[in-house]
Amino acid sequence: MNSSSTPLSILIVEDEFIIADEISMIVEQAGHAVLGPVGTIEEAFRLLDGKEPQFAIVDANLNGRSSAPLAERLQALGVPFCVCTGYRSEDISPLFGQAAILQKPVDSRALLAIINASFPAV
């Protein structure tokens, strides 16, 4: 759970089903609601048109395409997010801003620490 113990709505954007399912389970077991998961930028944009998550977990590369346009949209909406990737941190586009980098395979403690760090206790 986050520092304020409030359940969050978390968007998951990941094109590999097994990884998306694993992340979804981690998020749900922590008491948060999953929005998605979706596997493309277009699906994520459609979800964002109807709902605004409080946090997002975004794969850096979706089916061979950079997810930087999605990162820009999340930044414009003020939605904190982390980038999930198998790439080295220094190979990630600067378009992802100051987003935390979560390396694959996903470590549940690291993921929850990133989420919690985005919502310090009030």
PDB file of N, CA and C in Angstrom:
ATOM      1  N   MET A   1       0.854  -1.176   0.000  1.00  0.00           N
ATOM      2  CA  MET A   1       0.000   0.000   0.000  1.00  0.00           C
ATOM      3  C   MET A   1       0.893   1.229   0.000  1.00  0.00           C
ATOM      4  N   ASN A   2       0.395   2.320  -0.512  1.00  0.00           N
ATOM      5  CA  ASN A   2       1.188   3.538  -0.529  1.00  0.00           C
ATOM      6  C   ASN A   2       1.254   4.135   0.867  1.00  0.00           C
ATOM      7  N   SER A   3       2.079   5.161   1.015  1.00  0.00           N
ATOM      8  CA  SER A   3       2.331   5.723   2.342  1.00  0.00           C
ATOM      9  C   SER A   3       1.065   6.214   3.027  1.00  0.00           C
ATOM     10  N   SER A   4       0.100   6.703   2.285  1.00  0.00           N
ATOM     11  CA  SER A   4      -1.123   7.201   2.903  1.00  0.00           C
ATOM     12  C   SER A   4      -2.176   6.104   3.052  1.00  0.00           C
ATOM     13  N   SER A   5      -1.836   4.862   2.668  1.00  0.00           N
ATOM     14  CA  SER A   5      -2.726   3.697   2.764  1.00  0.00           C
ATOM     15  C   SER A   5      -3.995   3.848   1.943  1.00  0.00           C
ATOM     16  N   THR A   6      -3.963   4.667   0.932  1.00  0.00           N
ATOM     17  CA  THR A   6      -5.112   4.860   0.064  1.00  0.00           C
ATOM     18  C   THR A   6      -4.919   4.037  -1.213  1.00  0.00           C
ATOM     19  N   PRO A   7      -5.899   3.205  -1.574  1.00  0.00           N
ATOM     20  CA  PRO A   7      -5.773   2.451  -2.822  1.00  0.00           C
ATOM     21  C   PRO A   7      -5.694   3.406  -4.020  1.00  0.00           C
ATOM     22  N   LEU A   8      -4.850   3.052  -4.972  1.00  0.00           N
ATOM     23  CA  LEU A   8      -4.657   3.870  -6.166  1.00  0.00           C
ATOM     24  C   LEU A   8      -5.175   3.147  -7.398  1.00  0.00           C
ATOM     25  N   SER A   9      -5.498   3.919  -8.422  1.00  0.00           N
ATOM     26  CA  SER A   9      -5.810   3.385  -9.737  1.00  0.00           C
ATOM     27  C   SER A   9      -4.517   3.447 -10.546  1.00  0.00           C
ATOM     28  N   ILE A  10      -4.020   2.275 -10.967  1.00  0.00           N
ATOM     29  CA  ILE A  10      -2.714   2.207 -11.625  1.00  0.00           C
ATOM     30  C   ILE A  10      -2.857   1.635 -13.030  1.00  0.00           C
ATOM     31  N   LEU A  11      -2.454   2.424 -14.014  1.00  0.00           N
ATOM     32  CA  LEU A  11      -2.459   2.010 -15.417  1.00  0.00           C
ATOM     33  C   LEU A  11      -1.226   1.165 -15.680  1.00  0.00           C
ATOM     34  N   ILE A  12      -1.433   0.008 -16.314  1.00  0.00           N
ATOM     35  CA  ILE A  12      -0.325  -0.861 -16.695  1.00  0.00           C
ATOM     36  C   ILE A  12      -0.305  -0.958 -18.212  1.00  0.00           C
ATOM     37  N   VAL A  13       0.848  -0.573 -18.794  1.00  0.00           N
ATOM     38  CA  VAL A  13       1.020  -0.608 -20.244  1.00  0.00           C
ATOM     39  C   VAL A  13       2.227  -1.497 -20.525  1.00  0.00           C
ATOM     40  N   GLU A  14       1.952  -2.711 -20.974  1.00  0.00           N
ATOM     41  CA  GLU A  14       2.994  -3.727 -21.185  1.00  0.00           C
ATOM     42  C   GLU A  14       2.539  -4.652 -22.298  1.00  0.00           C
ATOM     43  N   ASP A  15       3.406  -4.893 -23.289  1.00  0.00           N
ATOM     44  CA  ASP A  15       3.011  -5.699 -24.435  1.00  0.00           C
ATOM     45  C   ASP A  15       3.263  -7.195 -24.267  1.00  0.00           C
ATOM     46  N   GLU A  16       3.943  -7.609 -23.225  1.00  0.00           N
ATOM     47  CA  GLU A  16       4.169  -9.030 -22.969  1.00  0.00           C
ATOM     48  C   GLU A  16       3.191  -9.502 -21.900  1.00  0.00           C
ATOM     49  N   PHE A  17       2.287 -10.403 -22.288  1.00  0.00           N
ATOM     50  CA  PHE A  17       1.192 -10.819 -21.412  1.00  0.00           C
ATOM     51  C   PHE A  17       1.677 -11.308 -20.056  1.00  0.00           C
ATOM     52  N   ILE A  18       2.692 -12.154 -20.035  1.00  0.00           N
ATOM     53  CA  ILE A  18       3.160 -12.728 -18.769  1.00  0.00           C
ATOM     54  C   ILE A  18       3.653 -11.642 -17.829  1.00  0.00           C
ATOM     55  N   ILE A  19       4.369 -10.665 -18.361  1.00  0.00           N
ATOM     56  CA  ILE A  19       4.875  -9.565 -17.529  1.00  0.00           C
ATOM     57  C   ILE A  19       3.723  -8.686 -17.067  1.00  0.00           C
ATOM     58  N   ALA A  20       2.788  -8.385 -17.973  1.00  0.00           N
ATOM     59  CA  ALA A  20       1.621  -7.576 -17.609  1.00  0.00           C
ATOM     60  C   ALA A  20       0.822  -8.257 -16.502  1.00  0.00           C
ATOM     61  N   ASP A  21       0.662  -9.564 -16.604  1.00  0.00           N
ATOM     62  CA  ASP A  21      -0.074 -10.318 -15.596  1.00  0.00           C
ATOM     63  C   ASP A  21       0.661 -10.297 -14.260  1.00  0.00           C
ATOM     64  N   GLU A  22       1.970 -10.459 -14.296  1.00  0.00           N
ATOM     65  CA  GLU A  22       2.772 -10.424 -13.069  1.00  0.00           C
ATOM     66  C   GLU A  22       2.671  -9.057 -12.381  1.00  0.00           C
ATOM     67  N   ILE A  23       2.796  -7.989 -13.154  1.00  0.00           N
ATOM     68  CA  ILE A  23       2.694  -6.641 -12.589  1.00  0.00           C
ATOM     69  C   ILE A  23       1.291  -6.405 -12.019  1.00  0.00           C
ATOM     70  N   SER A  24       0.276  -6.860 -12.744  1.00  0.00           N
ATOM     71  CA  SER A  24      -1.107  -6.717 -12.269  1.00  0.00           C
ATOM     72  C   SER A  24      -1.297  -7.397 -10.920  1.00  0.00           C
ATOM     73  N   MET A  25      -0.744  -8.596 -10.776  1.00  0.00           N
ATOM     74  CA  MET A  25      -0.876  -9.319  -9.507  1.00  0.00           C
ATOM     75  C   MET A  25      -0.178  -8.579  -8.367  1.00  0.00           C
ATOM     76  N   ILE A  26       1.003  -8.036  -8.629  1.00  0.00           N
ATOM     77  CA  ILE A  26       1.731  -7.280  -7.605  1.00  0.00           C
ATOM     78  C   ILE A  26       0.906  -6.075  -7.158  1.00  0.00           C
ATOM     79  N   VAL A  27       0.382  -5.349  -8.142  1.00  0.00           N
ATOM     80  CA  VAL A  27      -0.407  -4.139  -7.854  1.00  0.00           C
ATOM     81  C   VAL A  27      -1.673  -4.491  -7.073  1.00  0.00           C
ATOM     82  N   GLU A  28      -2.388  -5.536  -7.506  1.00  0.00           N
ATOM     83  CA  GLU A  28      -3.627  -5.922  -6.825  1.00  0.00           C
ATOM     84  C   GLU A  28      -3.356  -6.451  -5.422  1.00  0.00           C
ATOM     85  N   GLN A  29      -2.292  -7.230  -5.256  1.00  0.00           N
ATOM     86  CA  GLN A  29      -1.967  -7.754  -3.925  1.00  0.00           C
ATOM     87  C   GLN A  29      -1.589  -6.637  -2.961  1.00  0.00           C
ATOM     88  N   ALA A  30      -1.136  -5.507  -3.498  1.00  0.00           N
ATOM     89  CA  ALA A  30      -0.815  -4.351  -2.656  1.00  0.00           C
ATOM     90  C   ALA A  30      -2.065  -3.530  -2.342  1.00  0.00           C
ATOM     91  N   GLY A  31      -3.214  -3.933  -2.890  1.00  0.00           N
ATOM     92  CA  GLY A  31      -4.470  -3.270  -2.577  1.00  0.00           C
ATOM     93  C   GLY A  31      -4.880  -2.184  -3.551  1.00  0.00           C
ATOM     94  N   HIS A  32      -4.191  -2.095  -4.679  1.00  0.00           N
ATOM     95  CA  HIS A  32      -4.510  -1.067  -5.673  1.00  0.00           C
ATOM     96  C   HIS A  32      -5.378  -1.645  -6.790  1.00  0.00           C
ATOM     97  N   ALA A  33      -6.022  -0.769  -7.547  1.00  0.00           N
ATOM     98  CA  ALA A  33      -6.850  -1.168  -8.687  1.00  0.00           C
ATOM     99  C   ALA A  33      -6.029  -1.063  -9.966  1.00  0.00           C
ATOM    100  N   VAL A  34      -6.180  -2.049 -10.829  1.00  0.00           N
ATOM    101  CA  VAL A  34      -5.464  -2.070 -12.100  1.00  0.00           C
ATOM    102  C   VAL A  34      -6.345  -1.487 -13.194  1.00  0.00           C
ATOM    103  N   LEU A  35      -5.784  -0.557 -13.941  1.00  0.00           N
ATOM    104  CA  LEU A  35      -6.428  -0.023 -15.134  1.00  0.00           C
ATOM    105  C   LEU A  35      -5.674  -0.647 -16.304  1.00  0.00           C
ATOM    106  N   GLY A  36      -6.356  -1.474 -17.078  1.00  0.00           N
ATOM    107  CA  GLY A  36      -5.703  -2.250 -18.124  1.00  0.00           C
ATOM    108  C   GLY A  36      -5.568  -3.687 -17.637  1.00  0.00           C
ATOM    109  N   PRO A  37      -4.479  -4.333 -17.931  1.00  0.00           N
ATOM    110  CA  PRO A  37      -3.337  -3.823 -18.692  1.00  0.00           C
ATOM    111  C   PRO A  37      -3.648  -3.732 -20.187  1.00  0.00           C
ATOM    112  N   VAL A  38      -2.909  -2.852 -20.836  1.00  0.00           N
ATOM    113  CA  VAL A  38      -3.004  -2.701 -22.280  1.00  0.00           C
ATOM    114  C   VAL A  38      -1.606  -2.862 -22.870  1.00  0.00           C
ATOM    115  N   GLY A  39      -1.556  -3.207 -24.166  1.00  0.00           N
ATOM    116  CA  GLY A  39      -0.280  -3.506 -24.790  1.00  0.00           C
ATOM    117  C   GLY A  39       0.184  -2.556 -25.865  1.00  0.00           C
ATOM    118  N   THR A  40      -0.612  -1.488 -26.127  1.00  0.00           N
ATOM    119  CA  THR A  40      -0.197  -0.531 -27.157  1.00  0.00           C
ATOM    120  C   THR A  40      -0.399   0.900 -26.668  1.00  0.00           C
ATOM    121  N   ILE A  41       0.289   1.816 -27.308  1.00  0.00           N
ATOM    122  CA  ILE A  41       0.145   3.236 -26.990  1.00  0.00           C
ATOM    123  C   ILE A  41      -1.292   3.676 -27.274  1.00  0.00           C
ATOM    124  N   GLU A  42      -1.840   3.203 -28.386  1.00  0.00           N
ATOM    125  CA  GLU A  42      -3.199   3.601 -28.771  1.00  0.00           C
ATOM    126  C   GLU A  42      -4.223   3.154 -27.732  1.00  0.00           C
ATOM    127  N   GLU A  43      -4.086   1.931 -27.234  1.00  0.00           N
ATOM    128  CA  GLU A  43      -5.013   1.451 -26.198  1.00  0.00           C
ATOM    129  C   GLU A  43      -4.869   2.285 -24.923  1.00  0.00           C
ATOM    130  N   ALA A  44      -3.647   2.635 -24.597  1.00  0.00           N
ATOM    131  CA  ALA A  44      -3.421   3.466 -23.406  1.00  0.00           C
ATOM    132  C   ALA A  44      -4.054   4.840 -23.578  1.00  0.00           C
ATOM    133  N   PHE A  45      -3.896   5.441 -24.757  1.00  0.00           N
ATOM    134  CA  PHE A  45      -4.509   6.747 -25.014  1.00  0.00           C
ATOM    135  C   PHE A  45      -6.027   6.663 -24.879  1.00  0.00           C
ATOM    136  N   ARG A  46      -6.634   5.577 -25.397  1.00  0.00           N
ATOM    137  CA  ARG A  46      -8.093   5.417 -25.289  1.00  0.00           C
ATOM    138  C   ARG A  46      -8.514   5.334 -23.823  1.00  0.00           C
ATOM    139  N   LEU A  47      -7.767   4.596 -23.028  1.00  0.00           N
ATOM    140  CA  LEU A  47      -8.088   4.517 -21.602  1.00  0.00           C
ATOM    141  C   LEU A  47      -7.952   5.872 -20.927  1.00  0.00           C
ATOM    142  N   LEU A  48      -6.916   6.614 -21.286  1.00  0.00           N
ATOM    143  CA  LEU A  48      -6.688   7.927 -20.682  1.00  0.00           C
ATOM    144  C   LEU A  48      -7.765   8.928 -21.066  1.00  0.00           C
ATOM    145  N   ASP A  49      -8.433   8.708 -22.212  1.00  0.00           N
ATOM    146  CA  ASP A  49      -9.519   9.599 -22.605  1.00  0.00           C
ATOM    147  C   ASP A  49     -10.728   9.444 -21.692  1.00  0.00           C
ATOM    148  N   GLY A  50     -10.880   8.265 -21.081  1.00  0.00           N
ATOM    149  CA  GLY A  50     -12.041   8.027 -20.235  1.00  0.00           C
ATOM    150  C   GLY A  50     -11.739   8.040 -18.746  1.00  0.00           C
ATOM    151  N   LYS A  51     -10.492   7.761 -18.401  1.00  0.00           N
ATOM    152  CA  LYS A  51     -10.128   7.666 -16.981  1.00  0.00           C
ATOM    153  C   LYS A  51      -8.740   8.246 -16.800  1.00  0.00           C
ATOM    154  N   GLU A  52      -8.512   8.774 -15.621  1.00  0.00           N
ATOM    155  CA  GLU A  52      -7.185   9.276 -15.316  1.00  0.00           C
ATOM    156  C   GLU A  52      -6.631   8.505 -14.127  1.00  0.00           C
ATOM    157  N   PRO A  53      -5.635   7.665 -14.383  1.00  0.00           N
ATOM    158  CA  PRO A  53      -5.043   6.901 -13.284  1.00  0.00           C
ATOM    159  C   PRO A  53      -4.264   7.824 -12.355  1.00  0.00           C
ATOM    160  N   GLN A  54      -3.959   7.303 -11.192  1.00  0.00           N
ATOM    161  CA  GLN A  54      -3.143   8.069 -10.248  1.00  0.00           C
ATOM    162  C   GLN A  54      -1.665   7.744 -10.408  1.00  0.00           C
ATOM    163  N   PHE A  55      -1.376   6.636 -11.097  1.00  0.00           N
ATOM    164  CA  PHE A  55       0.005   6.217 -11.352  1.00  0.00           C
ATOM    165  C   PHE A  55      -0.022   5.326 -12.581  1.00  0.00           C
ATOM    166  N   ALA A  56       1.109   5.220 -13.283  1.00  0.00           N
ATOM    167  CA  ALA A  56       1.205   4.337 -14.447  1.00  0.00           C
ATOM    168  C   ALA A  56       2.542   3.613 -14.449  1.00  0.00           C
ATOM    169  N   ILE A  57       2.501   2.391 -14.949  1.00  0.00           N
ATOM    170  CA  ILE A  57       3.695   1.573 -15.157  1.00  0.00           C
ATOM    171  C   ILE A  57       3.746   1.326 -16.658  1.00  0.00           C
ATOM    172  N   VAL A  58       4.799   1.839 -17.308  1.00  0.00           N
ATOM    173  CA  VAL A  58       4.856   1.863 -18.763  1.00  0.00           C
ATOM    174  C   VAL A  58       6.099   1.133 -19.264  1.00  0.00           C
ATOM    175  N   ASP A  59       5.900   0.143 -20.130  1.00  0.00           N
ATOM    176  CA  ASP A  59       7.014  -0.521 -20.796  1.00  0.00           C
ATOM    177  C   ASP A  59       7.665   0.491 -21.738  1.00  0.00           C
ATOM    178  N   ALA A  60       8.973   0.559 -21.749  1.00  0.00           N
ATOM    179  CA  ALA A  60       9.690   1.535 -22.582  1.00  0.00           C
ATOM    180  C   ALA A  60       9.513   1.273 -24.069  1.00  0.00           C
ATOM    181  N   ASN A  61       9.325   0.007 -24.424  1.00  0.00           N
ATOM    182  CA  ASN A  61       9.229  -0.376 -25.826  1.00  0.00           C
ATOM    183  C   ASN A  61       8.002  -1.259 -25.995  1.00  0.00           C
ATOM    184  N   LEU A  62       7.053  -0.787 -26.782  1.00  0.00           N
ATOM    185  CA  LEU A  62       5.818  -1.523 -27.016  1.00  0.00           C
ATOM    186  C   LEU A  62       5.770  -1.999 -28.455  1.00  0.00           C
ATOM    187  N   ASN A  63       5.928  -3.293 -28.638  1.00  0.00           N
ATOM    188  CA  ASN A  63       5.895  -3.878 -29.980  1.00  0.00           C
ATOM    189  C   ASN A  63       6.845  -3.157 -30.938  1.00  0.00           C
ATOM    190  N   GLY A  64       8.045  -2.853 -30.459  1.00  0.00           N
ATOM    191  CA  GLY A  64       9.059  -2.214 -31.305  1.00  0.00           C
ATOM    192  C   GLY A  64       8.954  -0.703 -31.390  1.00  0.00           C
ATOM    193  N   ARG A  65       8.014  -0.093 -30.677  1.00  0.00           N
ATOM    194  CA  ARG A  65       7.837   1.361 -30.685  1.00  0.00           C
ATOM    195  C   ARG A  65       8.137   1.939 -29.314  1.00  0.00           C
ATOM    196  N   SER A  66       8.796   3.063 -29.293  1.00  0.00           N
ATOM    197  CA  SER A  66       9.050   3.756 -28.037  1.00  0.00           C
ATOM    198  C   SER A  66       7.725   4.226 -27.448  1.00  0.00           C
ATOM    199  N   SER A  67       7.599   4.103 -26.150  1.00  0.00           N
ATOM    200  CA  SER A  67       6.387   4.589 -25.486  1.00  0.00           C
ATOM    201  C   SER A  67       6.554   6.032 -25.018  1.00  0.00           C
ATOM    202  N   ALA A  68       7.573   6.732 -25.527  1.00  0.00           N
ATOM    203  CA  ALA A  68       7.807   8.133 -25.155  1.00  0.00           C
ATOM    204  C   ALA A  68       6.577   9.021 -25.387  1.00  0.00           C
ATOM    205  N   PRO A  69       5.802   8.846 -26.479  1.00  0.00           N
ATOM    206  CA  PRO A  69       4.600   9.684 -26.629  1.00  0.00           C
ATOM    207  C   PRO A  69       3.600   9.503 -25.477  1.00  0.00           C
ATOM    208  N   LEU A  70       3.508   8.294 -24.963  1.00  0.00           N
ATOM    209  CA  LEU A  70       2.633   8.046 -23.823  1.00  0.00           C
ATOM    210  C   LEU A  70       3.198   8.727 -22.579  1.00  0.00           C
ATOM    211  N   ALA A  71       4.506   8.664 -22.405  1.00  0.00           N
ATOM    212  CA  ALA A  71       5.152   9.335 -21.271  1.00  0.00           C
ATOM    213  C   ALA A  71       4.877  10.833 -21.314  1.00  0.00           C
ATOM    214  N   GLU A  72       4.954  11.417 -22.500  1.00  0.00           N
ATOM    215  CA  GLU A  72       4.671  12.853 -22.645  1.00  0.00           C
ATOM    216  C   GLU A  72       3.226  13.160 -22.243  1.00  0.00           C
ATOM    217  N   ARG A  73       2.305  12.310 -22.644  1.00  0.00           N
ATOM    218  CA  ARG A  73       0.882  12.507 -22.301  1.00  0.00           C
ATOM    219  C   ARG A  73       0.676  12.404 -20.797  1.00  0.00           C
ATOM    220  N   LEU A  74       1.298  11.405 -20.176  1.00  0.00           N
ATOM    221  CA  LEU A  74       1.173  11.252 -18.729  1.00  0.00           C
ATOM    222  C   LEU A  74       1.749  12.462 -18.003  1.00  0.00           C
ATOM    223  N   GLN A  75       2.899  12.953 -18.472  1.00  0.00           N
ATOM    224  CA  GLN A  75       3.502  14.138 -17.863  1.00  0.00           C
ATOM    225  C   GLN A  75       2.572  15.335 -17.992  1.00  0.00           C
ATOM    226  N   ALA A  76       1.948  15.502 -19.157  1.00  0.00           N
ATOM    227  CA  ALA A  76       1.034  16.624 -19.380  1.00  0.00           C
ATOM    228  C   ALA A  76      -0.184  16.529 -18.453  1.00  0.00           C
ATOM    229  N   LEU A  77      -0.617  15.312 -18.156  1.00  0.00           N
ATOM    230  CA  LEU A  77      -1.764  15.100 -17.267  1.00  0.00           C
ATOM    231  C   LEU A  77      -1.370  15.170 -15.791  1.00  0.00           C
ATOM    232  N   GLY A  78      -0.075  15.187 -15.529  1.00  0.00           N
ATOM    233  CA  GLY A  78       0.396  15.212 -14.149  1.00  0.00           C
ATOM    234  C   GLY A  78       0.315  13.857 -13.460  1.00  0.00           C
ATOM    235  N   VAL A  79       0.316  12.783 -14.249  1.00  0.00           N
ATOM    236  CA  VAL A  79       0.239  11.430 -13.707  1.00  0.00           C
ATOM    237  C   VAL A  79       1.659  10.895 -13.518  1.00  0.00           C
ATOM    238  N   PRO A  80       2.051  10.608 -12.283  1.00  0.00           N
ATOM    239  CA  PRO A  80       3.383  10.029 -12.074  1.00  0.00           C
ATOM    240  C   PRO A  80       3.437   8.621 -12.667  1.00  0.00           C
ATOM    241  N   PHE A  81       4.613   8.228 -13.128  1.00  0.00           N
ATOM    242  CA  PHE A  81       4.765   6.909 -13.741  1.00  0.00           C
ATOM    243  C   PHE A  81       6.196   6.419 -13.590  1.00  0.00           C
ATOM    244  N   CYS A  82       6.360   5.115 -13.808  1.00  0.00           N
ATOM    245  CA  CYS A  82       7.695   4.540 -13.896  1.00  0.00           C
ATOM    246  C   CYS A  82       7.794   3.823 -15.229  1.00  0.00           C
ATOM    247  N   VAL A  83       9.026   3.647 -15.671  1.00  0.00           N
ATOM    248  CA  VAL A  83       9.299   2.979 -16.943  1.00  0.00           C
ATOM    249  C   VAL A  83       9.843   1.592 -16.629  1.00  0.00           C
ATOM    250  N   CYS A  84       9.186   0.592 -17.161  1.00  0.00           N
ATOM    251  CA  CYS A  84       9.586  -0.796 -16.976  1.00  0.00           C
ATOM    252  C   CYS A  84      10.321  -1.226 -18.237  1.00  0.00           C
ATOM    253  N   THR A  85      11.523  -1.772 -18.083  1.00  0.00           N
ATOM    254  CA  THR A  85      12.324  -2.059 -19.266  1.00  0.00           C
ATOM    255  C   THR A  85      13.339  -3.166 -19.039  1.00  0.00           C
ATOM    256  N   GLY A  86      13.718  -3.774 -20.120  1.00  0.00           N
ATOM    257  CA  GLY A  86      14.825  -4.720 -20.114  1.00  0.00           C
ATOM    258  C   GLY A  86      16.100  -4.047 -20.577  1.00  0.00           C
ATOM    259  N   TYR A  87      15.986  -2.783 -21.027  1.00  0.00           N
ATOM    260  CA  TYR A  87      17.147  -2.020 -21.480  1.00  0.00           C
ATOM    261  C   TYR A  87      17.900  -1.435 -20.289  1.00  0.00           C
ATOM    262  N   ARG A  88      19.133  -1.025 -20.540  1.00  0.00           N
ATOM    263  CA  ARG A  88      19.904  -0.330 -19.512  1.00  0.00           C
ATOM    264  C   ARG A  88      19.299   1.061 -19.307  1.00  0.00           C
ATOM    265  N   SER A  89      19.368   1.562 -18.092  1.00  0.00           N
ATOM    266  CA  SER A  89      18.794   2.872 -17.761  1.00  0.00           C
ATOM    267  C   SER A  89      19.319   3.970 -18.671  1.00  0.00           C
ATOM    268  N   GLU A  90      20.603   3.928 -18.990  1.00  0.00           N
ATOM    269  CA  GLU A  90      21.186   4.982 -19.821  1.00  0.00           C
ATOM    270  C   GLU A  90      20.738   4.900 -21.284  1.00  0.00           C
ATOM    271  N   ASP A  91      20.106   3.799 -21.669  1.00  0.00           N
ATOM    272  CA  ASP A  91      19.597   3.665 -23.035  1.00  0.00           C
ATOM    273  C   ASP A  91      18.157   4.141 -23.180  1.00  0.00           C
ATOM    274  N   ILE A  92      17.556   4.573 -22.079  1.00  0.00           N
ATOM    275  CA  ILE A  92      16.170   5.031 -22.092  1.00  0.00           C
ATOM    276  C   ILE A  92      16.111   6.474 -22.566  1.00  0.00           C
ATOM    277  N   SER A  93      15.120   6.763 -23.367  1.00  0.00           N
ATOM    278  CA  SER A  93      14.945   8.092 -23.941  1.00  0.00           C
ATOM    279  C   SER A  93      14.833   9.174 -22.873  1.00  0.00           C
ATOM    280  N   PRO A  94      15.482  10.312 -23.108  1.00  0.00           N
ATOM    281  CA  PRO A  94      15.319  11.431 -22.170  1.00  0.00           C
ATOM    282  C   PRO A  94      13.877  11.957 -22.146  1.00  0.00           C
ATOM    283  N   LEU A  95      13.064  11.542 -23.098  1.00  0.00           N
ATOM    284  CA  LEU A  95      11.659  11.959 -23.121  1.00  0.00           C
ATOM    285  C   LEU A  95      10.872  11.379 -21.949  1.00  0.00           C
ATOM    286  N   PHE A  96      11.446  10.400 -21.259  1.00  0.00           N
ATOM    287  CA  PHE A  96      10.758   9.829 -20.110  1.00  0.00           C
ATOM    288  C   PHE A  96      10.959  10.684 -18.861  1.00  0.00           C
ATOM    289  N   GLY A  97      11.703  11.772 -18.991  1.00  0.00           N
ATOM    290  CA  GLY A  97      11.875  12.711 -17.888  1.00  0.00           C
ATOM    291  C   GLY A  97      12.540  12.075 -16.689  1.00  0.00           C
ATOM    292  N   GLN A  98      12.044  12.430 -15.531  1.00  0.00           N
ATOM    293  CA  GLN A  98      12.616  11.952 -14.271  1.00  0.00           C
ATOM    294  C   GLN A  98      11.944  10.679 -13.770  1.00  0.00           C
ATOM    295  N   ALA A  99      11.230   9.997 -14.646  1.00  0.00           N
ATOM    296  CA  ALA A  99      10.531   8.778 -14.231  1.00  0.00           C
ATOM    297  C   ALA A  99      11.522   7.745 -13.706  1.00  0.00           C
ATOM    298  N   ALA A 100      11.109   7.040 -12.671  1.00  0.00           N
ATOM    299  CA  ALA A 100      11.925   5.956 -12.142  1.00  0.00           C
ATOM    300  C   ALA A 100      11.999   4.838 -13.172  1.00  0.00           C
ATOM    301  N   ILE A 101      13.119   4.141 -13.193  1.00  0.00           N
ATOM    302  CA  ILE A 101      13.319   3.030 -14.110  1.00  0.00           C
ATOM    303  C   ILE A 101      13.225   1.729 -13.320  1.00  0.00           C
ATOM    304  N   LEU A 102      12.364   0.846 -13.760  1.00  0.00           N
ATOM    305  CA  LEU A 102      12.179  -0.464 -13.150  1.00  0.00           C
ATOM    306  C   LEU A 102      12.706  -1.503 -14.133  1.00  0.00           C
ATOM    307  N   GLN A 103      13.719  -2.233 -13.730  1.00  0.00           N
ATOM    308  CA  GLN A 103      14.315  -3.232 -14.604  1.00  0.00           C
ATOM    309  C   GLN A 103      13.497  -4.521 -14.612  1.00  0.00           C
ATOM    310  N   LYS A 104      13.447  -5.147 -15.793  1.00  0.00           N
ATOM    311  CA  LYS A 104      12.853  -6.477 -15.916  1.00  0.00           C
ATOM    312  C   LYS A 104      13.958  -7.487 -15.667  1.00  0.00           C
ATOM    313  N   PRO A 105      13.688  -8.626 -15.037  1.00  0.00           N
ATOM    314  CA  PRO A 105      12.388  -9.019 -14.507  1.00  0.00           C
ATOM    315  C   PRO A 105      11.988  -8.143 -13.328  1.00  0.00           C
ATOM    316  N   VAL A 106      10.688  -7.960 -13.179  1.00  0.00           N
ATOM    317  CA  VAL A 106      10.146  -7.025 -12.189  1.00  0.00           C
ATOM    318  C   VAL A 106      10.322  -7.583 -10.776  1.00  0.00           C
ATOM    319  N   ASP A 107      10.896  -6.763  -9.919  1.00  0.00           N
ATOM    320  CA  ASP A 107      11.025  -7.082  -8.498  1.00  0.00           C
ATOM    321  C   ASP A 107       9.864  -6.394  -7.784  1.00  0.00           C
ATOM    322  N   SER A 108       9.022  -7.162  -7.116  1.00  0.00           N
ATOM    323  CA  SER A 108       7.816  -6.597  -6.505  1.00  0.00           C
ATOM    324  C   SER A 108       8.149  -5.526  -5.469  1.00  0.00           C
ATOM    325  N   ARG A 109       9.183  -5.736  -4.668  1.00  0.00           N
ATOM    326  CA  ARG A 109       9.539  -4.734  -3.656  1.00  0.00           C
ATOM    327  C   ARG A 109       9.987  -3.434  -4.306  1.00  0.00           C
ATOM    328  N   ALA A 110      10.756  -3.544  -5.384  1.00  0.00           N
ATOM    329  CA  ALA A 110      11.218  -2.336  -6.081  1.00  0.00           C
ATOM    330  C   ALA A 110      10.041  -1.591  -6.700  1.00  0.00           C
ATOM    331  N   LEU A 111       9.114  -2.325  -7.301  1.00  0.00           N
ATOM    332  CA  LEU A 111       7.939  -1.691  -7.899  1.00  0.00           C
ATOM    333  C   LEU A 111       7.112  -0.959  -6.851  1.00  0.00           C
ATOM    334  N   LEU A 112       6.828  -1.617  -5.742  1.00  0.00           N
ATOM    335  CA  LEU A 112       6.019  -0.981  -4.706  1.00  0.00           C
ATOM    336  C   LEU A 112       6.747   0.192  -4.068  1.00  0.00           C
ATOM    337  N   ALA A 113       8.065   0.119  -3.959  1.00  0.00           N
ATOM    338  CA  ALA A 113       8.838   1.254  -3.420  1.00  0.00           C
ATOM    339  C   ALA A 113       8.729   2.462  -4.340  1.00  0.00           C
ATOM    340  N   ILE A 114       8.746   2.227  -5.654  1.00  0.00           N
ATOM    341  CA  ILE A 114       8.616   3.323  -6.622  1.00  0.00           C
ATOM    342  C   ILE A 114       7.233   3.951  -6.511  1.00  0.00           C
ATOM    343  N   ILE A 115       6.205   3.134  -6.435  1.00  0.00           N
ATOM    344  CA  ILE A 115       4.841   3.652  -6.299  1.00  0.00           C
ATOM    345  C   ILE A 115       4.729   4.455  -5.003  1.00  0.00           C
ATOM    346  N   ASN A 116       5.182   3.881  -3.910  1.00  0.00           N
ATOM    347  CA  ASN A 116       5.080   4.565  -2.609  1.00  0.00           C
ATOM    348  C   ASN A 116       5.851   5.876  -2.581  1.00  0.00           C
ATOM    349  N   ALA A 117       6.998   5.929  -3.243  1.00  0.00           N
ATOM    350  CA  ALA A 117       7.805   7.146  -3.262  1.00  0.00           C
ATOM    351  C   ALA A 117       7.077   8.282  -3.987  1.00  0.00           C
ATOM    352  N   SER A 118       6.152   7.940  -4.857  1.00  0.00           N
ATOM    353  CA  SER A 118       5.398   8.961  -5.586  1.00  0.00           C
ATOM    354  C   SER A 118       4.260   9.560  -4.764  1.00  0.00           C
ATOM    355  N   PHE A 119       3.955   8.927  -3.631  1.00  0.00           N
ATOM    356  CA  PHE A 119       2.849   9.367  -2.786  1.00  0.00           C
ATOM    357  C   PHE A 119       3.277   9.406  -1.329  1.00  0.00           C
ATOM    358  N   PRO A 120       4.152  10.346  -0.984  1.00  0.00           N
ATOM    359  CA  PRO A 120       4.595  10.429   0.417  1.00  0.00           C
ATOM    360  C   PRO A 120       3.425  10.757   1.330  1.00  0.00           C
ATOM    361  N   ALA A 121       3.548  10.341   2.570  1.00  0.00           N
ATOM    362  CA  ALA A 121       2.480  10.602   3.551  1.00  0.00           C
ATOM    363  C   ALA A 121       2.247  12.096   3.669  1.00  0.00           C
ATOM    364  N   VAL A 122       0.989  12.455   3.787  1.00  0.00           N
ATOM    365  CA  VAL A 122       0.613  13.868   3.880  1.00  0.00           C
ATOM    366  C   VAL A 122       0.699  14.324   5.319  1.00  0.00           C
TER     367      VAL A 122
END
